[in-house]
Amino acid sequence: MAVTSIAERFLSGPLVATFVEAYPSITLDVTVTDEEFDIIGAGFDAGVRLGEVIEQDMVAVPLSGPQRQVVVVSPRYLQRRGTPVEPFELLNHRCIGWRPAPSVVPYRWEFAEKGESSM
């Protein structure tokens, strides 16, 4: 099974333990990767991905409710650099980003307020 690093926490602990207990004849082999690829074409029987990064011909079954990301900052940083009011102001701040693989551009943050996207 190929899972993203974000999905890994949903699969740890009781969920995996319950699965292997219910299906003792199945060997569960999990690969954690954020690279986007054809899961079945790469030889995996299943995968866990965010909804917007699955192949259109794949069958998807939700494992959780909607997920969201939040922006956090320390009070000390705000004292030194000031408090942004609008998301676009983050362009002038020292933000930590992430990328799914070394050869992929960093994730572009997405913001929404009252159902309207910004930035």
C-alpha atoms as a PDB file:
ATOM      1  CA  MET A   1       0.000   0.000   0.000  1.00  0.00           C
ATOM      2  CA  ALA A   2       1.293   3.478  -0.872  1.00  0.00           C
ATOM      3  CA  VAL A   3       0.281   6.266   1.516  1.00  0.00           C
ATOM      4  CA  THR A   4       1.135   9.938   1.763  1.00  0.00           C
ATOM      5  CA  SER A   5       2.920  11.264   4.816  1.00  0.00           C
ATOM      6  CA  ILE A   6      -0.245  13.200   5.690  1.00  0.00           C
ATOM      7  CA  ALA A   7      -2.343  10.018   5.587  1.00  0.00           C
ATOM      8  CA  GLU A   8       0.188   7.996   7.554  1.00  0.00           C
ATOM      9  CA  ARG A   9      -1.160   9.176  10.916  1.00  0.00           C
ATOM     10  CA  PHE A  10      -4.663   7.933  10.021  1.00  0.00           C
ATOM     11  CA  LEU A  11      -3.291   4.458   9.402  1.00  0.00           C
ATOM     12  CA  SER A  12      -1.173   4.057  12.498  1.00  0.00           C
ATOM     13  CA  GLY A  13      -2.248   2.448  15.713  1.00  0.00           C
ATOM     14  CA  PRO A  14      -5.736   0.985  16.117  1.00  0.00           C
ATOM     15  CA  LEU A  15      -6.740   1.121  12.438  1.00  0.00           C
ATOM     16  CA  VAL A  16      -3.845  -1.028  11.242  1.00  0.00           C
ATOM     17  CA  ALA A  17      -4.032  -3.275  14.313  1.00  0.00           C
ATOM     18  CA  THR A  18      -7.742  -3.891  13.699  1.00  0.00           C
ATOM     19  CA  PHE A  19      -7.101  -4.671  10.019  1.00  0.00           C
ATOM     20  CA  VAL A  20      -4.304  -7.176  10.597  1.00  0.00           C
ATOM     21  CA  GLU A  21      -6.331  -8.851  13.336  1.00  0.00           C
ATOM     22  CA  ALA A  22      -9.397  -9.163  11.074  1.00  0.00           C
ATOM     23  CA  TYR A  23      -7.357 -10.385   8.067  1.00  0.00           C
ATOM     24  CA  PRO A  24      -4.430 -12.439   9.448  1.00  0.00           C
ATOM     25  CA  SER A  25      -3.670 -14.026   6.067  1.00  0.00           C
ATOM     26  CA  ILE A  26      -2.893 -10.638   4.486  1.00  0.00           C
ATOM     27  CA  THR A  27       0.605  -9.202   4.824  1.00  0.00           C
ATOM     28  CA  LEU A  28       0.386  -5.433   5.078  1.00  0.00           C
ATOM     29  CA  ASP A  29       3.357  -3.644   3.506  1.00  0.00           C
ATOM     30  CA  VAL A  30       3.108   0.170   3.681  1.00  0.00           C
ATOM     31  CA  THR A  31       5.263   2.591   1.689  1.00  0.00           C
ATOM     32  CA  VAL A  32       5.088   6.237   2.785  1.00  0.00           C
ATOM     33  CA  THR A  33       5.686   8.627  -0.119  1.00  0.00           C
ATOM     34  CA  ASP A  34       4.379  12.013  -1.181  1.00  0.00           C
ATOM     35  CA  GLU A  35       5.285  11.485  -4.830  1.00  0.00           C
ATOM     36  CA  GLU A  36       2.319  11.510  -7.206  1.00  0.00           C
ATOM     37  CA  PHE A  37       2.200   8.438  -9.446  1.00  0.00           C
ATOM     38  CA  ASP A  38      -0.137   5.750 -10.738  1.00  0.00           C
ATOM     39  CA  ILE A  39      -0.491   3.608  -7.611  1.00  0.00           C
ATOM     40  CA  ILE A  40      -1.715   0.485  -9.396  1.00  0.00           C
ATOM     41  CA  GLY A  41       0.699   0.964 -12.318  1.00  0.00           C
ATOM     42  CA  ALA A  42       3.567   1.000  -9.814  1.00  0.00           C
ATOM     43  CA  GLY A  43       2.477  -2.395  -8.457  1.00  0.00           C
ATOM     44  CA  PHE A  44       0.578  -1.386  -5.316  1.00  0.00           C
ATOM     45  CA  ASP A  45      -2.770  -3.011  -4.522  1.00  0.00           C
ATOM     46  CA  ALA A  46      -4.092   0.086  -2.767  1.00  0.00           C
ATOM     47  CA  GLY A  47      -3.135   3.572  -1.678  1.00  0.00           C
ATOM     48  CA  VAL A  48      -4.185   6.457   0.498  1.00  0.00           C
ATOM     49  CA  ARG A  49      -4.079   9.907  -1.077  1.00  0.00           C
ATOM     50  CA  LEU A  50      -5.679  13.293  -0.704  1.00  0.00           C
ATOM     51  CA  GLY A  51      -8.826  13.521  -2.820  1.00  0.00           C
ATOM     52  CA  GLU A  52      -7.445  15.951  -5.365  1.00  0.00           C
ATOM     53  CA  VAL A  53      -4.400  13.845  -6.277  1.00  0.00           C
ATOM     54  CA  ILE A  54      -5.910  10.536  -7.365  1.00  0.00           C
ATOM     55  CA  GLU A  55      -6.178   9.221 -10.894  1.00  0.00           C
ATOM     56  CA  GLN A  56      -9.632   9.720 -12.417  1.00  0.00           C
ATOM     57  CA  ASP A  57     -10.085   6.000 -13.120  1.00  0.00           C
ATOM     58  CA  MET A  58      -9.378   5.031  -9.484  1.00  0.00           C
ATOM     59  CA  VAL A  59     -12.085   3.968  -7.050  1.00  0.00           C
ATOM     60  CA  ALA A  60     -11.976   6.214  -3.969  1.00  0.00           C
ATOM     61  CA  VAL A  61     -13.439   5.475  -0.555  1.00  0.00           C
ATOM     62  CA  PRO A  62     -13.280   8.260   2.065  1.00  0.00           C
ATOM     63  CA  LEU A  63     -11.377   7.291   5.226  1.00  0.00           C
ATOM     64  CA  SER A  64     -12.125  10.462   7.156  1.00  0.00           C
ATOM     65  CA  GLY A  65     -14.095  13.669   7.070  1.00  0.00           C
ATOM     66  CA  PRO A  66     -12.794  16.814   5.397  1.00  0.00           C
ATOM     67  CA  GLN A  67      -9.289  17.789   6.469  1.00  0.00           C
ATOM     68  CA  ARG A  68      -7.867  21.261   6.846  1.00  0.00           C
ATOM     69  CA  GLN A  69      -4.514  22.838   7.393  1.00  0.00           C
ATOM     70  CA  VAL A  70      -3.906  25.771   9.699  1.00  0.00           C
ATOM     71  CA  VAL A  71      -1.236  28.441   9.884  1.00  0.00           C
ATOM     72  CA  VAL A  72       0.449  28.752  13.257  1.00  0.00           C
ATOM     73  CA  VAL A  73       3.053  31.166  14.575  1.00  0.00           C
ATOM     74  CA  SER A  74       4.826  31.820  17.858  1.00  0.00           C
ATOM     75  CA  PRO A  75       4.084  34.993  19.821  1.00  0.00           C
ATOM     76  CA  ARG A  76       7.807  35.797  19.741  1.00  0.00           C
ATOM     77  CA  TYR A  77       7.861  35.751  15.932  1.00  0.00           C
ATOM     78  CA  LEU A  78       4.870  38.122  15.821  1.00  0.00           C
ATOM     79  CA  GLN A  79       6.602  40.491  18.216  1.00  0.00           C
ATOM     80  CA  ARG A  80       9.666  40.614  15.950  1.00  0.00           C
ATOM     81  CA  ARG A  81       8.027  40.570  12.498  1.00  0.00           C
ATOM     82  CA  GLY A  82       4.486  41.895  13.018  1.00  0.00           C
ATOM     83  CA  THR A  83       1.113  40.210  12.537  1.00  0.00           C
ATOM     84  CA  PRO A  84      -0.111  39.630   8.982  1.00  0.00           C
ATOM     85  CA  VAL A  85      -3.736  40.596   8.375  1.00  0.00           C
ATOM     86  CA  GLU A  86      -4.266  39.092   4.903  1.00  0.00           C
ATOM     87  CA  PRO A  87      -2.876  35.806   3.516  1.00  0.00           C
ATOM     88  CA  PHE A  88      -0.892  37.563   0.759  1.00  0.00           C
ATOM     89  CA  GLU A  89       1.161  39.285   3.489  1.00  0.00           C
ATOM     90  CA  LEU A  90       2.728  35.885   4.256  1.00  0.00           C
ATOM     91  CA  LEU A  91       4.825  36.374   1.122  1.00  0.00           C
ATOM     92  CA  ASN A  92       6.903  38.801   3.201  1.00  0.00           C
ATOM     93  CA  HIS A  93       7.272  36.440   6.143  1.00  0.00           C
ATOM     94  CA  ARG A  94       9.562  33.501   6.896  1.00  0.00           C
ATOM     95  CA  CYS A  95       7.219  30.576   6.304  1.00  0.00           C
ATOM     96  CA  ILE A  96       8.032  26.892   6.479  1.00  0.00           C
ATOM     97  CA  GLY A  97       6.918  25.052   3.371  1.00  0.00           C
ATOM     98  CA  TRP A  98       6.959  21.445   2.259  1.00  0.00           C
ATOM     99  CA  ARG A  99       7.380  19.610  -0.995  1.00  0.00           C
ATOM    100  CA  PRO A 100       6.296  16.058  -1.793  1.00  0.00           C
ATOM    101  CA  ALA A 101       9.637  15.180  -3.438  1.00  0.00           C
ATOM    102  CA  PRO A 102      12.985  16.906  -4.030  1.00  0.00           C
ATOM    103  CA  SER A 103      12.226  17.474  -7.721  1.00  0.00           C
ATOM    104  CA  VAL A 104       8.760  18.999  -7.091  1.00  0.00           C
ATOM    105  CA  VAL A 105       8.081  22.673  -6.396  1.00  0.00           C
ATOM    106  CA  PRO A 106       6.980  23.446  -2.825  1.00  0.00           C
ATOM    107  CA  TYR A 107       3.304  23.149  -1.980  1.00  0.00           C
ATOM    108  CA  ARG A 108       1.425  26.386  -2.646  1.00  0.00           C
ATOM    109  CA  TRP A 109      -0.684  27.326   0.345  1.00  0.00           C
ATOM    110  CA  GLU A 110      -4.413  27.636  -0.254  1.00  0.00           C
ATOM    111  CA  PHE A 111      -6.615  29.864   1.890  1.00  0.00           C
ATOM    112  CA  ALA A 112     -10.388  30.155   2.126  1.00  0.00           C
ATOM    113  CA  GLU A 113     -12.698  32.348   4.153  1.00  0.00           C
ATOM    114  CA  LYS A 114     -16.418  31.705   4.252  1.00  0.00           C
ATOM    115  CA  GLY A 115     -16.094  29.332   1.295  1.00  0.00           C
ATOM    116  CA  GLU A 116     -14.158  31.817  -0.863  1.00  0.00           C
ATOM    117  CA  SER A 117     -10.569  30.997  -1.782  1.00  0.00           C
ATOM    118  CA  SER A 118      -7.780  33.544  -1.676  1.00  0.00           C
ATOM    119  CA  MET A 119      -4.066  33.754  -2.474  1.00  0.00           C
END
